Each structure stands twice: as structure tokens, then as C-alpha cells.
Amino acid sequence: MSSNKYQGLELSYRLQLLPICKDELLRSWFIRNALFLNMKPSQLSTIIFRNTDIWKSDIDTQLSTKSIKSLLSAVEIKKEDLDKTLISLNCDYFYPHLNDSKQIKWVLNIGVHQRGRKSSIQYCPLCISTDRVPYFRTYWRFGFLTSCHIHNICFLDSCYSCGALIDLVRYDKKNDSYFNQIDYLKCSQCSFDLREAPKIRPHHHELKANQEHFKLLTKGYGSVGNLHFNYSHIYYDGFKRIMSFLLCSKKGAEIFKYIVDINNLDKNLVDDRYLVRQHSEPEHLRLSMRKVSIIFSYYIMKDWPVSFIEICKEFGITKRFIYSPHLNYPFWLQRVLDSKLK
């Protein structure tokens, strides 16, 4: 190929990089290869995409046609392997509405150009400690998952040692003149090895709900509680509305406290819940908050709509507290709002 030169960085051949792993985030793949080459990931992305700002964008979700062309011309990678890793090309099972919105719902917010509080990547410490080649999975960025379906332990979204968010954006050499190939497995603030974090068993309702959510994600259909969904996004669309009510509305805070109390969860979550601003996107909230909504989903779906109706009536919740005329609601939720929560 002809020489590619961009702002002093030159590439005169197609790079043969470490292969991308199954379900690996594109960002994770770039980081592993950059550290292997003793480069900053931002520098490698600049060479490949010929764009100094692209590393600051959310390359996991979608790439422009120009960026895809640059990547395929610069790197030895099959287009079908690239297509498998971009979330925008693989979101039909949980958000098939990209024609209506450029933003893919349910995806955790980790890009430095994204506004608002970053919610950090979440990860399974047992996955990255047992992987032959440790890497960060695509589905770790989905807000409807909070535990690992393989090891049945809780995801983590911060450093166990210092509490810092997991940063997959900025990498700097410390005291050494070279990058370490496992730097991406260490906290960016205190260098704690993320593989050494405790392996915590989730609440049994959280575990069950996560198992159902993951099956829907991978198969595109399935059952949640006593309902069967021929198309999994129909469940996720409704759960998104319920999750927004529980985590982001003023009236939902009362039920949130109830769920925390009856399940003996951390009482500090209640204080954190009162700090959430109305109209926030639930997937932009921290993992600890989303876990409560996952437990709630199991509670109401196991005998839908009986428990949902009972808890709404107990707390004086009617349709107007959950429903918005500006949003679409799937039939299984709309029917209950219309007939049981008038």
C-alpha cells in the first residue's frame, strides 16, 4: 500500500496486530495492541484513522464510513470481524431504533467527549484473571447487565483499592520508559491490579435477572419471569421505562427505598438515589444504582403484572407517574398502565 502520513506519524504497510478476541470492545483491542507496541493507544489510533480526536470519541459504538475505510486499509483485519465488534451493528436485540435516534440506548457512557457524569466500564474480575488473553467484553458496556453470566459474580465498575473509575481512555508511562503490556489491567490512579479485586456473589434475584437478560441479548427472544418475548427488544423497551421511573423519577424514590430495605441492601444507596436528577438516563448511573433496578425487575416480572400492580397501588403510583406521551411503550407494559393503574 502507499505510505500513509498524518501529522508526523507514518504508516507504509498494513499493520499485523494481535487478533481481536470474541466479543472484545474495539477500544480494548486498540489498547492491547498499543501497549504491545509500546505506544499510547491514542497514538496508534491517530496513525490508523489519521484523526487525532477519534480516540476521544466512542469508537466502540460506531465508526464513520471514512474511519472504517481507514482502519481496513491500515490493519490486517477482516471486515466481518470489525462488524461483529461495533455495537451499532449488533444492537437490534436490545435497541433496534437507530433510525429514530443516533444515540444507542443502554450503552454505558465512558467517552471523554460525552457530557455528564461518566459511568465507567464495568468488568468481571474473574474473567480477566482467567483469560488466556485478558480483554474487555462488548456486553460489559450494557446497562441492563450487572453480573457475569459465566462466573455468577458481580461486575465491578471502580478500583477496589482507591475507588477510581475504570479508565480505558488515558494511558501514560509511569516511572518506566516502556509501557507494560498489562497496564490496561491496572487502575489508572493507584496501579492496583484489577484481577485481584474480590469476587462477590450477587443477590439471588439479581443473578436470576441477569441470566434472563443475557439470554435475551444473545438469542433475540426468550422468557423473563412469566412472560415470553418473541423479540427481546420488546422486553428491553419496557424495562427501560420501568427502570427510568424507579431510578430517575421523584415518585420512584419511595419504591427504590422499599426494594433496598426488603433485600437488606446498602442503606447509603437511598441517599445516592435522592441525588439523581430527573430525566437522567438510567444507564448513565453507577453500577450500584442499576443493581437495585435489576433486582426490582425480577421482583415484578416473576408473576407479571401481579406484584407490579400491588407495589404501585401500595405507594399510590398511577399511570401518570410512569407514562409520558412523548415516549413509546410496548404492549405488555402499556396494557397494564391503561387498565390497572388509571
Protein backbone atom coordinates (compact mmCIF):
# COMPACT_ATOMS: atom_id res chain seq x y z
CA MET A 1 0.00 0.00 0.00
CA SER A 2 1.08 3.61 -0.43
CA SER A 3 2.56 5.42 2.53
CA ASN A 4 0.08 6.97 4.98
CA LYS A 5 1.46 10.01 6.78
CA TYR A 6 -0.54 12.02 9.26
CA GLN A 7 0.87 14.80 11.49
CA GLY A 8 4.35 13.28 11.52
CA LEU A 9 3.16 9.70 12.05
CA GLU A 10 3.81 7.46 9.09
CA LEU A 11 2.50 4.05 8.10
CA SER A 12 3.87 2.49 4.91
CA TYR A 13 2.41 -1.00 5.30
CA ARG A 14 -0.64 -2.75 6.72
CA LEU A 15 -0.15 -3.48 10.40
CA GLN A 16 -0.40 -7.07 11.57
CA LEU A 17 -1.82 -6.60 15.04
CA LEU A 18 -2.71 -9.02 17.79
CA PRO A 19 -6.01 -10.67 16.80
CA ILE A 20 -9.25 -9.31 18.18
CA CYS A 21 -10.98 -11.64 20.65
CA LYS A 22 -14.59 -12.79 20.56
CA ASP A 23 -16.94 -10.08 21.90
CA GLU A 24 -13.99 -7.73 22.51
CA LEU A 25 -14.52 -3.98 22.64
CA LEU A 26 -12.73 -2.20 19.82
CA ARG A 27 -11.17 0.11 22.40
CA SER A 28 -9.85 -2.88 24.34
CA TRP A 29 -8.27 -4.27 21.17
CA PHE A 30 -6.57 -0.95 20.40
CA ILE A 31 -5.24 -0.68 23.94
CA ARG A 32 -3.77 -4.20 23.95
CA ASN A 33 -2.00 -3.62 20.64
CA ALA A 34 -0.75 -0.16 21.51
CA LEU A 35 0.82 -1.33 24.77
CA PHE A 36 2.33 -4.31 22.93
CA LEU A 37 3.92 -1.81 20.50
CA ASN A 38 4.98 0.45 23.41
CA MET A 39 2.70 3.26 22.24
CA LYS A 40 -0.11 5.28 23.70
CA PRO A 41 -3.45 3.96 22.39
CA SER A 42 -4.28 7.47 21.24
CA GLN A 43 -1.12 7.49 19.13
CA LEU A 44 -1.95 4.17 17.49
CA SER A 45 -5.48 5.31 16.73
CA THR A 46 -4.13 8.51 15.17
CA ILE A 47 -1.84 6.52 12.89
CA ILE A 48 -4.62 4.16 11.81
CA PHE A 49 -7.51 6.61 11.50
CA ARG A 50 -5.44 9.69 10.59
CA ASN A 51 -7.51 11.63 13.08
CA THR A 52 -6.15 12.99 16.37
CA ASP A 53 -9.57 13.29 18.01
CA ILE A 54 -11.09 9.89 17.29
CA TRP A 55 -9.65 8.27 20.43
CA LYS A 56 -11.71 10.72 22.47
CA SER A 57 -14.91 9.54 20.79
CA ASP A 58 -16.84 6.35 21.47
CA ILE A 59 -15.26 4.08 18.88
CA ASP A 60 -16.97 1.03 20.42
CA THR A 61 -20.44 2.13 19.36
CA GLN A 62 -20.00 3.29 15.79
CA LEU A 63 -17.46 4.47 13.22
CA SER A 64 -17.97 6.63 10.16
CA THR A 65 -17.58 5.10 6.72
CA LYS A 66 -14.34 7.04 6.34
CA SER A 67 -12.98 5.71 9.63
CA ILE A 68 -13.88 2.12 8.75
CA LYS A 69 -12.13 2.51 5.38
CA SER A 70 -9.01 3.90 7.09
CA LEU A 71 -8.95 1.04 9.59
CA LEU A 72 -9.36 -1.68 6.95
CA SER A 73 -6.65 -0.15 4.76
CA ALA A 74 -4.19 0.22 7.66
CA VAL A 75 -4.69 -3.02 9.59
CA GLU A 76 -4.86 -6.71 8.74
CA ILE A 77 -8.43 -7.33 9.93
CA LYS A 78 -11.43 -8.83 8.20
CA LYS A 79 -14.41 -6.54 7.77
CA GLU A 80 -16.74 -9.20 9.23
CA ASP A 81 -14.61 -9.28 12.40
CA LEU A 82 -14.79 -5.49 12.65
CA ASP A 83 -18.56 -5.55 12.07
CA LYS A 84 -19.01 -8.02 14.93
CA THR A 85 -17.42 -5.65 17.44
CA LEU A 86 -19.25 -2.39 16.60
CA ILE A 87 -22.25 -2.02 18.90
CA SER A 88 -24.24 -0.03 16.33
CA LEU A 89 -24.21 -3.06 14.01
CA ASN A 90 -25.19 -5.50 16.73
CA CYS A 91 -27.87 -3.77 18.80
CA ASP A 92 -31.09 -4.99 17.16
CA TYR A 93 -31.85 -7.37 20.00
CA PHE A 94 -31.94 -4.58 22.59
CA TYR A 95 -32.29 -1.29 20.69
CA PRO A 96 -33.45 -1.51 17.04
CA HIS A 97 -34.29 2.18 16.86
CA LEU A 98 -31.17 3.77 15.34
CA ASN A 99 -33.22 5.25 12.51
CA ASP A 100 -35.03 7.33 15.12
CA SER A 101 -32.02 8.24 17.25
CA LYS A 102 -28.27 8.44 16.74
CA GLN A 103 -27.75 7.56 20.40
CA ILE A 104 -27.78 3.88 21.24
CA LYS A 105 -29.72 3.43 24.46
CA TRP A 106 -28.46 1.08 27.18
CA VAL A 107 -24.77 1.70 26.43
CA LEU A 108 -22.70 2.91 29.38
CA ASN A 109 -21.17 6.33 28.94
CA ILE A 110 -17.34 6.19 29.01
CA GLY A 111 -16.12 8.52 26.21
CA VAL A 112 -14.29 11.69 27.21
CA HIS A 113 -16.33 13.76 24.74
CA GLN A 114 -19.61 12.64 26.24
CA ARG A 115 -21.28 15.08 28.58
CA GLY A 116 -22.40 14.35 32.09
CA ARG A 117 -21.04 12.02 34.72
CA LYS A 118 -19.11 9.14 33.23
CA SER A 119 -20.44 5.79 34.38
CA SER A 120 -17.22 3.81 33.75
CA ILE A 121 -16.72 0.47 32.09
CA GLN A 122 -17.80 -2.48 34.23
CA TYR A 123 -15.91 -5.75 34.27
CA CYS A 124 -15.76 -9.25 35.74
CA PRO A 125 -12.55 -9.71 37.77
CA LEU A 126 -12.68 -13.47 37.31
CA CYS A 127 -12.94 -13.21 33.51
CA ILE A 128 -9.81 -11.08 33.18
CA SER A 129 -7.91 -13.20 35.71
CA THR A 130 -8.66 -16.50 33.92
CA ASP A 131 -8.50 -15.31 30.29
CA ARG A 132 -5.52 -16.62 28.34
CA VAL A 133 -5.51 -13.15 26.81
CA PRO A 134 -7.36 -10.74 29.14
CA TYR A 135 -9.70 -8.31 27.40
CA PHE A 136 -12.80 -6.18 27.98
CA ARG A 137 -16.07 -7.51 26.56
CA THR A 138 -18.60 -5.61 24.49
CA TYR A 139 -21.52 -6.65 26.69
CA TRP A 140 -19.79 -5.18 29.77
CA ARG A 141 -20.95 -1.83 28.42
CA PHE A 142 -24.66 -2.65 28.58
CA GLY A 143 -26.64 -1.09 31.41
CA PHE A 144 -29.09 -3.98 31.79
CA LEU A 145 -26.29 -6.34 32.91
CA THR A 146 -24.68 -6.14 36.36
CA SER A 147 -23.17 -9.60 36.90
CA CYS A 148 -21.20 -12.20 34.94
CA HIS A 149 -23.26 -14.99 33.35
CA ILE A 150 -20.17 -17.23 33.21
CA HIS A 151 -18.86 -16.98 36.78
CA ASN A 152 -22.02 -15.76 38.56
CA ILE A 153 -20.20 -12.94 40.33
CA CYS A 154 -20.83 -9.19 40.42
CA PHE A 155 -19.43 -6.83 37.87
CA LEU A 156 -17.27 -4.04 39.28
CA ASP A 157 -17.04 -0.51 37.87
CA SER A 158 -14.34 1.04 40.03
CA CYS A 159 -10.98 0.25 41.57
CA TYR A 160 -11.35 -1.83 44.74
CA SER A 161 -8.31 -0.13 46.26
CA CYS A 162 -8.88 3.59 45.64
CA GLY A 163 -12.42 3.81 44.19
CA ALA A 164 -11.37 5.44 40.91
CA LEU A 165 -13.46 4.74 37.80
CA ILE A 166 -12.06 2.24 35.31
CA ASP A 167 -10.37 4.39 32.65
CA LEU A 168 -9.94 2.97 29.14
CA VAL A 169 -9.04 6.32 27.61
CA ARG A 170 -5.83 7.75 29.09
CA TYR A 171 -2.59 5.80 29.39
CA ASP A 172 0.72 7.32 30.46
CA LYS A 173 4.09 5.81 31.22
CA LYS A 174 4.82 5.85 34.94
CA ASN A 175 8.41 5.67 36.10
CA ASP A 176 9.42 3.26 33.35
CA SER A 177 10.42 4.26 29.84
CA TYR A 178 8.24 1.49 28.43
CA PHE A 179 4.60 0.56 28.72
CA ASN A 180 3.82 -2.71 30.42
CA GLN A 181 1.58 -4.98 28.35
CA ILE A 182 -0.76 -5.47 31.32
CA ASP A 183 -1.11 -1.77 32.16
CA TYR A 184 -4.72 -1.92 30.95
CA LEU A 185 -5.47 -4.37 33.78
CA LYS A 186 -4.35 -1.87 36.40
CA CYS A 187 -6.07 1.12 37.96
CA SER A 188 -5.02 4.31 36.18
CA GLN A 189 -4.78 6.11 39.53
CA CYS A 190 -3.15 3.71 42.01
CA SER A 191 -1.98 0.83 39.75
CA PHE A 192 -4.00 -1.76 41.68
CA ASP A 193 -4.30 -4.97 39.65
CA LEU A 194 -7.99 -5.22 38.73
CA ARG A 195 -7.68 -9.02 38.60
CA GLU A 196 -7.08 -9.06 42.35
CA ALA A 197 -10.43 -7.44 43.19
CA PRO A 198 -12.78 -9.53 45.35
CA LYS A 199 -15.18 -11.91 43.63
CA ILE A 200 -18.59 -11.03 45.07
CA ARG A 201 -21.69 -13.19 44.75
CA PRO A 202 -24.72 -11.13 43.62
CA HIS A 203 -28.14 -11.11 45.26
CA HIS A 204 -30.00 -14.20 44.00
CA HIS A 205 -32.72 -12.07 42.35
CA GLU A 206 -30.04 -10.01 40.61
CA LEU A 207 -28.31 -13.17 39.41
CA LYS A 208 -31.52 -14.67 38.02
CA ALA A 209 -32.49 -11.46 36.23
CA ASN A 210 -29.01 -11.12 34.71
CA GLN A 211 -29.18 -14.67 33.38
CA GLU A 212 -32.50 -13.91 31.70
CA HIS A 213 -31.22 -10.61 30.33
CA PHE A 214 -28.13 -12.23 28.82
CA LYS A 215 -30.16 -14.96 27.12
CA LEU A 216 -32.39 -12.31 25.55
CA LEU A 217 -29.31 -10.40 24.42
CA THR A 218 -27.73 -13.38 22.67
CA LYS A 219 -30.80 -15.18 21.31
CA GLY A 220 -33.05 -12.25 20.44
CA TYR A 221 -36.03 -13.90 22.13
CA GLY A 222 -36.87 -15.69 25.36
CA SER A 223 -38.67 -15.52 28.68
CA VAL A 224 -38.43 -13.13 31.59
CA GLY A 225 -40.43 -14.20 34.61
CA ASN A 226 -43.78 -15.48 33.38
CA LEU A 227 -43.72 -13.61 30.05
CA HIS A 228 -42.29 -14.85 26.77
CA PHE A 229 -40.96 -12.38 24.21
CA ASN A 230 -40.64 -13.32 20.56
CA TYR A 231 -38.48 -10.22 20.12
CA SER A 232 -36.20 -9.38 23.02
CA HIS A 233 -36.16 -5.63 22.40
CA ILE A 234 -39.87 -5.54 23.33
CA TYR A 235 -38.87 -6.50 26.86
CA TYR A 236 -35.91 -4.10 26.96
CA ASP A 237 -38.06 -1.20 25.73
CA GLY A 238 -40.49 -1.75 28.60
CA PHE A 239 -37.83 -2.40 31.20
CA LYS A 240 -36.15 0.88 30.18
CA ARG A 241 -39.36 2.76 31.06
CA ILE A 242 -39.70 0.98 34.40
CA MET A 243 -36.01 1.47 35.19
CA SER A 244 -36.26 5.20 34.41
CA PHE A 245 -39.24 5.51 36.74
CA LEU A 246 -37.52 3.66 39.60
CA LEU A 247 -34.12 5.35 39.33
CA CYS A 248 -34.81 8.77 37.85
CA SER A 249 -38.28 9.99 38.92
CA LYS A 250 -39.23 11.66 42.18
CA LYS A 251 -42.03 9.21 42.94
CA GLY A 252 -39.85 6.21 42.13
CA ALA A 253 -37.53 7.03 45.04
CA GLU A 254 -40.05 5.68 47.55
CA ILE A 255 -40.22 2.27 45.88
CA PHE A 256 -36.43 2.31 45.48
CA LYS A 257 -36.07 2.66 49.25
CA TYR A 258 -38.54 -0.17 49.77
CA ILE A 259 -36.56 -2.51 47.49
CA VAL A 260 -33.34 -1.61 49.31
CA ASP A 261 -34.93 -2.29 52.70
CA ILE A 262 -36.61 -5.63 51.97
CA ASN A 263 -33.47 -7.01 50.31
CA ASN A 264 -31.06 -5.76 53.00
CA LEU A 265 -29.03 -3.72 50.52
CA ASP A 266 -26.61 -0.92 51.38
CA LYS A 267 -28.64 1.88 53.03
CA ASN A 268 -26.33 4.50 51.52
CA LEU A 269 -27.93 3.73 48.17
CA VAL A 270 -31.07 5.53 49.33
CA ASP A 271 -29.13 8.76 49.89
CA ASP A 272 -27.48 8.37 46.49
CA ARG A 273 -30.88 7.84 44.89
CA TYR A 274 -32.22 11.18 46.16
CA LEU A 275 -29.29 12.91 44.40
CA VAL A 276 -30.25 11.57 40.97
CA ARG A 277 -31.60 14.28 38.71
CA GLN A 278 -34.95 13.79 37.00
CA HIS A 279 -34.82 12.76 33.34
CA SER A 280 -31.37 11.20 33.74
CA GLU A 281 -30.67 8.18 31.57
CA PRO A 282 -30.61 5.13 33.89
CA GLU A 283 -27.71 3.52 32.02
CA HIS A 284 -25.62 6.58 32.88
CA LEU A 285 -25.94 5.84 36.59
CA ARG A 286 -23.39 3.91 38.59
CA LEU A 287 -23.47 0.13 38.82
CA SER A 288 -24.63 0.12 42.45
CA MET A 289 -27.79 2.03 41.48
CA ARG A 290 -28.58 -0.12 38.46
CA LYS A 291 -28.28 -3.29 40.55
CA VAL A 292 -31.35 -2.21 42.54
CA SER A 293 -33.37 -1.88 39.34
CA ILE A 294 -32.23 -5.33 38.19
CA ILE A 295 -33.46 -6.81 41.48
CA PHE A 296 -36.73 -4.88 41.05
CA SER A 297 -37.13 -6.31 37.55
CA TYR A 298 -37.04 -9.84 38.93
CA TYR A 299 -39.47 -8.88 41.70
CA ILE A 300 -42.11 -7.57 39.28
CA MET A 301 -41.58 -9.95 36.35
CA LYS A 302 -41.75 -13.25 38.22
CA ASP A 303 -45.57 -13.01 38.30
CA TRP A 304 -46.20 -10.07 35.96
CA PRO A 305 -48.28 -7.98 36.43
CA VAL A 306 -49.46 -9.01 39.94
CA SER A 307 -46.52 -7.78 42.06
CA PHE A 308 -46.10 -4.68 39.90
CA ILE A 309 -49.71 -3.66 40.39
CA GLU A 310 -49.59 -4.39 44.12
CA ILE A 311 -46.48 -2.31 44.79
CA CYS A 312 -47.72 0.57 42.63
CA LYS A 313 -51.05 0.68 44.50
CA GLU A 314 -49.29 0.44 47.86
CA PHE A 315 -47.25 3.56 47.06
CA GLY A 316 -50.00 5.42 45.24
CA ILE A 317 -48.41 5.09 41.81
CA THR A 318 -50.81 5.62 38.92
CA LYS A 319 -50.23 5.72 35.18
CA ARG A 320 -49.36 9.42 35.16
CA PHE A 321 -46.26 8.84 37.29
CA ILE A 322 -44.80 6.33 34.82
CA TYR A 323 -46.26 7.26 31.46
CA SER A 324 -45.05 10.00 29.11
CA PRO A 325 -46.99 10.84 25.91
CA HIS A 326 -43.68 11.61 24.22
CA LEU A 327 -42.39 8.04 24.52
CA ASN A 328 -43.39 4.68 23.10
CA TYR A 329 -44.39 1.83 25.42
CA PRO A 330 -44.53 -1.86 24.45
CA PHE A 331 -47.92 -3.54 24.63
CA TRP A 332 -47.15 -5.68 27.71
CA LEU A 333 -46.48 -2.56 29.80
CA GLN A 334 -48.95 -0.20 28.10
CA ARG A 335 -51.83 -2.61 28.68
CA VAL A 336 -51.21 -2.72 32.44
CA LEU A 337 -50.80 1.06 32.69
CA ASP A 338 -54.06 1.62 30.85
CA SER A 339 -56.21 -0.99 32.57
CA LYS A 340 -54.80 -1.37 36.09
CA LEU A 341 -53.09 1.92 37.01
CA LYS A 342 -55.54 4.56 35.77
